[in-house]
PDB file of N, CA and C in Angstrom:
ATOM      1  N   LEU A   1      -6.676  -6.945   9.393  1.00  0.00           N
ATOM      2  CA  LEU A   1      -6.674  -5.612   8.800  1.00  0.00           C
ATOM      3  C   LEU A   1      -7.978  -5.512   8.345  1.00  0.00           C
ATOM      4  N   THR A   2      -9.178  -4.660   8.557  1.00  0.00           N
ATOM      5  CA  THR A   2     -10.432  -4.894   7.878  1.00  0.00           C
ATOM      6  C   THR A   2     -10.639  -3.556   7.226  1.00  0.00           C
ATOM      7  N   VAL A   3     -10.477  -3.343   6.319  1.00  0.00           N
ATOM      8  CA  VAL A   3     -10.826  -1.755   5.481  1.00  0.00           C
ATOM      9  C   VAL A   3     -11.686  -2.268   4.399  1.00  0.00           C
ATOM     10  N   PRO A   4     -12.922  -1.538   4.361  1.00  0.00           N
ATOM     11  CA  PRO A   4     -13.974  -1.524   3.393  1.00  0.00           C
ATOM     12  C   PRO A   4     -13.191  -1.431   1.760  1.00  0.00           C
ATOM     13  N   VAL A   5     -13.713  -2.079   0.718  1.00  0.00           N
ATOM     14  CA  VAL A   5     -13.425  -1.849  -0.102  1.00  0.00           C
ATOM     15  C   VAL A   5     -13.685  -0.622  -0.836  1.00  0.00           C
ATOM     16  N   ASN A   6     -14.464   0.345  -0.632  1.00  0.00           N
ATOM     17  CA  ASN A   6     -14.666   1.280  -1.024  1.00  0.00           C
ATOM     18  C   ASN A   6     -13.699   2.491  -0.399  1.00  0.00           C
ATOM     19  N   GLN A   7     -13.001   2.180   0.723  1.00  0.00           N
ATOM     20  CA  GLN A   7     -11.982   3.045   1.205  1.00  0.00           C
ATOM     21  C   GLN A   7     -10.689   2.933   1.003  1.00  0.00           C
ATOM     22  N   LEU A   8     -10.239   2.093  -0.411  1.00  0.00           N
ATOM     23  CA  LEU A   8      -9.095   1.902  -0.763  1.00  0.00           C
ATOM     24  C   LEU A   8      -9.119   1.912  -2.310  1.00  0.00           C
ATOM     25  N   ARG A   9      -7.876   1.977  -2.936  1.00  0.00           N
ATOM     26  CA  ARG A   9      -7.820   1.958  -4.414  1.00  0.00           C
ATOM     27  C   ARG A   9      -6.412   1.375  -4.571  1.00  0.00           C
ATOM     28  N   VAL A  10      -6.322   0.227  -5.447  1.00  0.00           N
ATOM     29  CA  VAL A  10      -5.074  -0.552  -5.647  1.00  0.00           C
ATOM     30  C   VAL A  10      -5.061  -0.286  -7.257  1.00  0.00           C
ATOM     31  N   THR A  11      -3.812   0.166  -7.494  1.00  0.00           N
ATOM     32  CA  THR A  11      -3.587   0.246  -9.182  1.00  0.00           C
ATOM     33  C   THR A  11      -2.042  -0.123  -9.409  1.00  0.00           C
ATOM     34  N   ALA A  12      -1.812  -0.738 -10.489  1.00  0.00           N
ATOM     35  CA  ALA A  12      -0.616  -1.011 -10.882  1.00  0.00           C
ATOM     36  C   ALA A  12       0.328   0.110 -11.020  1.00  0.00           C
ATOM     37  N   HIS A  13       1.709  -0.247 -10.604  1.00  0.00           N
ATOM     38  CA  HIS A  13       2.497   1.322 -10.440  1.00  0.00           C
ATOM     39  C   HIS A  13       3.894   0.422 -10.450  1.00  0.00           C
ATOM     40  N   HIS A  14       4.617   1.103 -11.486  1.00  0.00           N
ATOM     41  CA  HIS A  14       5.915   0.743 -11.674  1.00  0.00           C
ATOM     42  C   HIS A  14       7.072   1.637 -11.085  1.00  0.00           C
ATOM     43  N   PRO A  15       8.072   1.031 -10.353  1.00  0.00           N
ATOM     44  CA  PRO A  15       8.441  -0.333 -10.302  1.00  0.00           C
ATOM     45  C   PRO A  15       7.849  -1.112  -9.415  1.00  0.00           C
ATOM     46  N   GLU A  16       7.022  -0.929  -8.241  1.00  0.00           N
ATOM     47  CA  GLU A  16       6.482  -1.653  -7.496  1.00  0.00           C
ATOM     48  C   GLU A  16       5.386  -2.327  -8.248  1.00  0.00           C
ATOM     49  N   HIS A  17       4.946  -3.586  -8.058  1.00  0.00           N
ATOM     50  CA  HIS A  17       3.747  -4.371  -8.648  1.00  0.00           C
ATOM     51  C   HIS A  17       2.506  -3.536  -8.830  1.00  0.00           C
ATOM     52  N   TYR A  18       2.416  -2.919  -7.506  1.00  0.00           N
ATOM     53  CA  TYR A  18       0.942  -2.423  -6.850  1.00  0.00           C
ATOM     54  C   TYR A  18       1.211  -1.124  -6.164  1.00  0.00           C
ATOM     55  N   LEU A  19       0.334  -0.311  -5.951  1.00  0.00           N
ATOM     56  CA  LEU A  19       0.371   0.716  -5.260  1.00  0.00           C
ATOM     57  C   LEU A  19      -1.461   0.825  -4.297  1.00  0.00           C
ATOM     58  N   VAL A  20      -1.408   0.675  -3.213  1.00  0.00           N
ATOM     59  CA  VAL A  20      -2.664   0.880  -2.512  1.00  0.00           C
ATOM     60  C   VAL A  20      -2.881   2.353  -2.013  1.00  0.00           C
ATOM     61  N   ILE A  21      -3.794   2.962  -2.221  1.00  0.00           N
ATOM     62  CA  ILE A  21      -4.385   4.298  -1.673  1.00  0.00           C
ATOM     63  C   ILE A  21      -5.279   4.119  -0.737  1.00  0.00           C
ATOM     64  N   PHE A  22      -5.176   4.486   0.445  1.00  0.00           N
ATOM     65  CA  PHE A  22      -6.134   4.493   1.387  1.00  0.00           C
ATOM     66  C   PHE A  22      -6.734   5.750   1.604  1.00  0.00           C
ATOM     67  N   SER A  23      -8.138   5.598   1.619  1.00  0.00           N
ATOM     68  CA  SER A  23      -8.766   6.821   2.039  1.00  0.00           C
ATOM     69  C   SER A  23      -8.856   7.499   3.389  1.00  0.00           C
ATOM     70  N   GLN A  24      -8.402   6.493   4.195  1.00  0.00           N
ATOM     71  CA  GLN A  24      -8.425   7.057   5.653  1.00  0.00           C
ATOM     72  C   GLN A  24      -6.715   6.695   6.290  1.00  0.00           C
ATOM     73  N   PRO A  25      -6.264   7.618   6.588  1.00  0.00           N
ATOM     74  CA  PRO A  25      -4.821   7.755   7.229  1.00  0.00           C
ATOM     75  C   PRO A  25      -4.665   6.637   8.140  1.00  0.00           C
ATOM     76  N   ALA A  26      -5.572   6.328   9.039  1.00  0.00           N
ATOM     77  CA  ALA A  26      -5.416   5.310  10.020  1.00  0.00           C
ATOM     78  C   ALA A  26      -5.226   3.833   9.484  1.00  0.00           C
ATOM     79  N   HIS A  27      -5.945   3.459   8.366  1.00  0.00           N
ATOM     80  CA  HIS A  27      -5.727   2.297   7.787  1.00  0.00           C
ATOM     81  C   HIS A  27      -4.675   2.113   6.901  1.00  0.00           C
ATOM     82  N   HIS A  28      -4.137   3.158   6.550  1.00  0.00           N
ATOM     83  CA  HIS A  28      -2.654   3.161   5.814  1.00  0.00           C
ATOM     84  C   HIS A  28      -1.713   3.105   7.005  1.00  0.00           C
ATOM     85  N   VAL A  29      -1.522   3.707   8.202  1.00  0.00           N
ATOM     86  CA  VAL A  29      -0.647   3.455   9.306  1.00  0.00           C
ATOM     87  C   VAL A  29      -0.997   2.177   9.749  1.00  0.00           C
ATOM     88  N   ASN A  30      -2.267   1.441  10.059  1.00  0.00           N
ATOM     89  CA  ASN A  30      -2.354   0.024  10.259  1.00  0.00           C
ATOM     90  C   ASN A  30      -1.551  -0.926   9.134  1.00  0.00           C
ATOM     91  N   ALA A  31      -1.878  -0.646   8.106  1.00  0.00           N
ATOM     92  CA  ALA A  31      -1.274  -1.715   7.205  1.00  0.00           C
ATOM     93  C   ALA A  31       0.245  -1.742   6.832  1.00  0.00           C
ATOM     94  N   VAL A  32       0.800  -0.569   7.271  1.00  0.00           N
ATOM     95  CA  VAL A  32       2.312  -0.567   7.065  1.00  0.00           C
ATOM     96  C   VAL A  32       2.815  -0.777   8.540  1.00  0.00           C
ATOM     97  N   ARG A  33       2.150  -0.649   9.511  1.00  0.00           N
ATOM     98  CA  ARG A  33       2.415  -1.343  10.857  1.00  0.00           C
ATOM     99  C   ARG A  33       2.615  -2.862  10.642  1.00  0.00           C
ATOM    100  N   ARG A  34       1.771  -3.265  10.000  1.00  0.00           N
ATOM    101  CA  ARG A  34       1.667  -4.807   9.923  1.00  0.00           C
ATOM    102  C   ARG A  34       2.543  -5.722   9.186  1.00  0.00           C
ATOM    103  N   GLY A  35       3.042  -4.571   8.196  1.00  0.00           N
ATOM    104  CA  GLY A  35       4.226  -5.161   7.593  1.00  0.00           C
ATOM    105  C   GLY A  35       3.910  -6.193   6.177  1.00  0.00           C
ATOM    106  N   SER A  36       2.925  -6.739   6.174  1.00  0.00           N
ATOM    107  CA  SER A  36       2.354  -7.579   5.321  1.00  0.00           C
ATOM    108  C   SER A  36       0.668  -7.864   5.581  1.00  0.00           C
ATOM    109  N   ILE A  37       0.072  -8.402   4.619  1.00  0.00           N
ATOM    110  CA  ILE A  37      -1.184  -9.066   4.725  1.00  0.00           C
ATOM    111  C   ILE A  37      -1.669 -10.164   3.984  1.00  0.00           C
ATOM    112  N   ARG A  38      -2.259 -10.952   4.398  1.00  0.00           N
ATOM    113  CA  ARG A  38      -2.734 -11.988   3.280  1.00  0.00           C
ATOM    114  C   ARG A  38      -3.915 -11.793   2.828  1.00  0.00           C
ATOM    115  N   VAL A  39      -4.350 -12.157   1.374  1.00  0.00           N
ATOM    116  CA  VAL A  39      -5.723 -12.216   1.256  1.00  0.00           C
ATOM    117  C   VAL A  39      -5.871 -13.484   0.412  1.00  0.00           C
ATOM    118  N   ASP A  40      -6.767 -14.083   0.444  1.00  0.00           N
ATOM    119  CA  ASP A  40      -7.077 -15.277  -0.287  1.00  0.00           C
ATOM    120  C   ASP A  40      -5.718 -16.325  -0.063  1.00  0.00           C
ATOM    121  N   GLY A  41      -5.093 -16.394   0.769  1.00  0.00           N
ATOM    122  CA  GLY A  41      -3.678 -17.279   0.859  1.00  0.00           C
ATOM    123  C   GLY A  41      -2.943 -16.685   0.279  1.00  0.00           C
ATOM    124  N   ALA A  42      -2.921 -15.531  -0.366  1.00  0.00           N
ATOM    125  CA  ALA A  42      -1.729 -14.880  -1.021  1.00  0.00           C
ATOM    126  C   ALA A  42      -1.078 -13.951  -0.170  1.00  0.00           C
ATOM    127  N   ALA A  43       0.526 -13.640   0.264  1.00  0.00           N
ATOM    128  CA  ALA A  43       0.770 -12.646   0.987  1.00  0.00           C
ATOM    129  C   ALA A  43       1.425 -11.513   0.288  1.00  0.00           C
ATOM    130  N   PHE A  44       1.082 -10.287   0.627  1.00  0.00           N
ATOM    131  CA  PHE A  44       1.480  -9.222   0.269  1.00  0.00           C
ATOM    132  C   PHE A  44       2.221  -8.229   1.134  1.00  0.00           C
ATOM    133  N   ASN A  45       3.392  -7.878   0.698  1.00  0.00           N
ATOM    134  CA  ASN A  45       4.147  -7.421   1.776  1.00  0.00           C
ATOM    135  C   ASN A  45       3.694  -5.384   1.406  1.00  0.00           C
ATOM    136  N   ILE A  46       3.694  -4.817   2.739  1.00  0.00           N
ATOM    137  CA  ILE A  46       3.557  -3.326   2.546  1.00  0.00           C
ATOM    138  C   ILE A  46       4.633  -2.855   3.178  1.00  0.00           C
ATOM    139  N   ALA A  47       4.527  -1.758   2.505  1.00  0.00           N
ATOM    140  CA  ALA A  47       5.639  -0.714   2.856  1.00  0.00           C
ATOM    141  C   ALA A  47       5.097   0.990   2.676  1.00  0.00           C
ATOM    142  N   PRO A  48       5.829   1.780   3.403  1.00  0.00           N
ATOM    143  CA  PRO A  48       5.168   2.909   3.043  1.00  0.00           C
ATOM    144  C   PRO A  48       5.824   3.529   1.495  1.00  0.00           C
ATOM    145  N   TRP A  49       5.422   4.523   1.099  1.00  0.00           N
ATOM    146  CA  TRP A  49       5.875   5.037  -0.367  1.00  0.00           C
ATOM    147  C   TRP A  49       5.714   6.403  -0.424  1.00  0.00           C
ATOM    148  N   HIS A  50       6.734   7.133  -0.793  1.00  0.00           N
ATOM    149  CA  HIS A  50       6.662   8.490  -1.108  1.00  0.00           C
ATOM    150  C   HIS A  50       7.112   8.805  -2.579  1.00  0.00           C
ATOM    151  N   GLU A  51       6.781   9.957  -3.094  1.00  0.00           N
ATOM    152  CA  GLU A  51       6.869  10.104  -4.636  1.00  0.00           C
ATOM    153  C   GLU A  51       8.420  10.186  -4.934  1.00  0.00           C
ATOM    154  N   HIS A  52       9.083  10.749  -3.698  1.00  0.00           N
ATOM    155  CA  HIS A  52      10.576  10.920  -4.046  1.00  0.00           C
ATOM    156  C   HIS A  52      11.333   9.518  -3.968  1.00  0.00           C
ATOM    157  N   ASP A  53      10.550   8.480  -3.704  1.00  0.00           N
ATOM    158  CA  ASP A  53      11.517   7.325  -3.466  1.00  0.00           C
ATOM    159  C   ASP A  53      12.425   6.729  -4.782  1.00  0.00           C
ATOM    160  N   HIS A  54      11.884   6.736  -6.004  1.00  0.00           N
ATOM    161  CA  HIS A  54      12.800   6.696  -7.001  1.00  0.00           C
ATOM    162  C   HIS A  54      13.024   7.880  -8.093  1.00  0.00           C
ATOM    163  N   ALA A  55      13.026   8.793  -7.363  1.00  0.00           N
ATOM    164  CA  ALA A  55      13.071  10.146  -8.071  1.00  0.00           C
ATOM    165  C   ALA A  55      14.541  10.091  -8.469  1.00  0.00           C
ATOM    166  N   VAL A  56      15.234  10.859  -9.554  1.00  0.00           N
ATOM    167  CA  VAL A  56      16.509  11.357  -9.706  1.00  0.00           C
ATOM    168  C   VAL A  56      16.599  13.035  -9.553  1.00  0.00           C
ATOM    169  N   PHE A  57      17.715  13.459  -8.886  1.00  0.00           N
ATOM    170  CA  PHE A  57      17.638  14.849  -8.610  1.00  0.00           C
ATOM    171  C   PHE A  57      18.893  15.141  -9.164  1.00  0.00           C
ATOM    172  N   ASP A  58      18.687  16.032 -10.073  1.00  0.00           N
ATOM    173  CA  ASP A  58      19.921  16.587 -10.623  1.00  0.00           C
ATOM    174  C   ASP A  58      20.517  17.824  -9.665  1.00  0.00           C
TER     175      ASP A  58
END
């Protein structure tokens, strides 16, 4: 997965450890399709996210 650093943003996000926002939809699709990536020897699981994933509806 080759994504230029200026094409994504990583931020802390509760309850997940982090949230990655991709500028290009194709980069997002490729990352989710892979399911995980390895950066400097550390493995990161990748899953799709939606704002309603942890929502509570009354």
